Amino acid sequence: MTAEAAEWMEEEVKVQECRYKGIVEEIDALEPQREQWTEDFLNIIQTKGFNVTGDQRRKIPKKDIPKKPDRPDALRVIW
């Protein structure tokens, strides 16, 4: 790799790391809201259900809803 290419690569890595940190901060800031979204979603599929096909709806019984793992990153989005 030429010196010019190595310099460009170094600068590009810094830019990408900066972008990544920004994305992580934004996602982490959504944590409380993400918890609420998950609760709302689970409530909707247990009470109203979801469309299977056309106008047919299916409710998910509470016993079929998986338990949330007991760890801080249980609902973490992987990108």
Protein backbone atom coordinates (compact mmCIF):
# COMPACT_ATOMS: atom_id res chain seq x y z
CA MET A 1 0.00 0.00 0.00
CA THR A 2 1.34 3.40 -0.89
CA ALA A 3 1.82 6.07 1.76
CA GLU A 4 -1.01 8.06 0.20
CA ALA A 5 -3.36 5.05 0.31
CA ALA A 6 -2.37 4.28 3.91
CA GLU A 7 -3.07 7.89 4.92
CA TRP A 8 -6.45 7.80 3.18
CA MET A 9 -7.26 4.48 4.86
CA GLU A 10 -6.36 5.87 8.29
CA GLU A 11 -8.57 8.91 7.75
CA GLU A 12 -11.42 6.73 6.48
CA VAL A 13 -11.22 4.49 9.55
CA LYS A 14 -11.46 7.55 11.82
CA VAL A 15 -14.54 8.80 9.94
CA GLN A 16 -16.23 5.38 10.10
CA GLU A 17 -15.50 5.01 13.82
CA CYS A 18 -17.00 8.44 14.44
CA ARG A 19 -20.15 7.47 12.51
CA TYR A 20 -20.37 4.18 14.38
CA LYS A 21 -20.13 5.92 17.77
CA GLY A 22 -22.93 8.29 16.72
CA ILE A 23 -25.16 5.40 15.69
CA VAL A 24 -24.49 3.56 18.95
CA GLU A 25 -25.34 6.68 20.98
CA GLU A 26 -28.61 7.15 19.08
CA ILE A 27 -29.61 3.52 19.51
CA ASP A 28 -28.72 3.51 23.20
CA ALA A 29 -30.77 6.67 23.71
CA LEU A 30 -33.82 4.80 22.37
CA GLU A 31 -33.59 2.09 25.07
CA PRO A 32 -36.54 3.28 27.22
CA GLN A 33 -38.66 3.87 24.16
CA ARG A 34 -37.68 0.47 22.72
CA GLU A 35 -38.85 -1.20 25.95
CA GLN A 36 -42.23 0.52 25.58
CA TRP A 37 -42.48 -0.47 21.90
CA THR A 38 -41.86 -4.08 22.85
CA GLU A 39 -44.49 -3.99 25.59
CA ASP A 40 -47.01 -2.39 23.22
CA PHE A 41 -46.28 -4.95 20.49
CA LEU A 42 -46.70 -7.91 22.86
CA ASN A 43 -49.94 -6.43 24.18
CA ILE A 44 -51.33 -5.94 20.67
CA ILE A 45 -50.58 -9.47 19.47
CA GLN A 46 -52.17 -10.90 22.62
CA THR A 47 -55.31 -8.75 22.59
CA LYS A 48 -56.05 -7.74 18.99
CA GLY A 49 -53.88 -10.33 17.30
CA PHE A 50 -52.31 -9.92 13.88
CA ASN A 51 -53.53 -10.46 10.33
CA VAL A 52 -52.78 -13.96 9.12
CA THR A 53 -54.39 -13.50 5.73
CA GLY A 54 -56.97 -11.02 4.51
CA ASP A 55 -59.34 -10.34 7.39
CA GLN A 56 -58.37 -13.37 9.49
CA ARG A 57 -56.66 -12.45 12.73
CA ARG A 58 -54.79 -14.64 15.18
CA LYS A 59 -54.12 -13.87 18.83
CA ILE A 60 -50.98 -15.19 20.50
CA PRO A 61 -51.68 -16.73 23.90
CA LYS A 62 -49.56 -15.42 26.78
CA LYS A 63 -48.06 -18.89 27.29
CA ASP A 64 -46.59 -18.73 23.76
CA ILE A 65 -44.85 -15.38 24.32
CA PRO A 66 -41.16 -15.98 25.06
CA LYS A 67 -39.80 -14.61 28.32
CA LYS A 68 -37.40 -11.70 28.08
CA PRO A 69 -33.84 -12.79 28.89
CA ASP A 70 -32.43 -11.33 32.10
CA ARG A 71 -29.54 -9.40 30.61
CA PRO A 72 -29.08 -5.73 29.68
CA ASP A 73 -28.73 -6.27 25.91
CA ALA A 74 -31.75 -8.56 25.54
CA LEU A 75 -33.51 -6.25 23.09
CA ARG A 76 -30.41 -4.83 21.49
CA VAL A 77 -30.57 -4.24 17.78
CA ILE A 78 -27.69 -5.76 15.86
CA TRP A 79 -26.65 -3.88 12.77
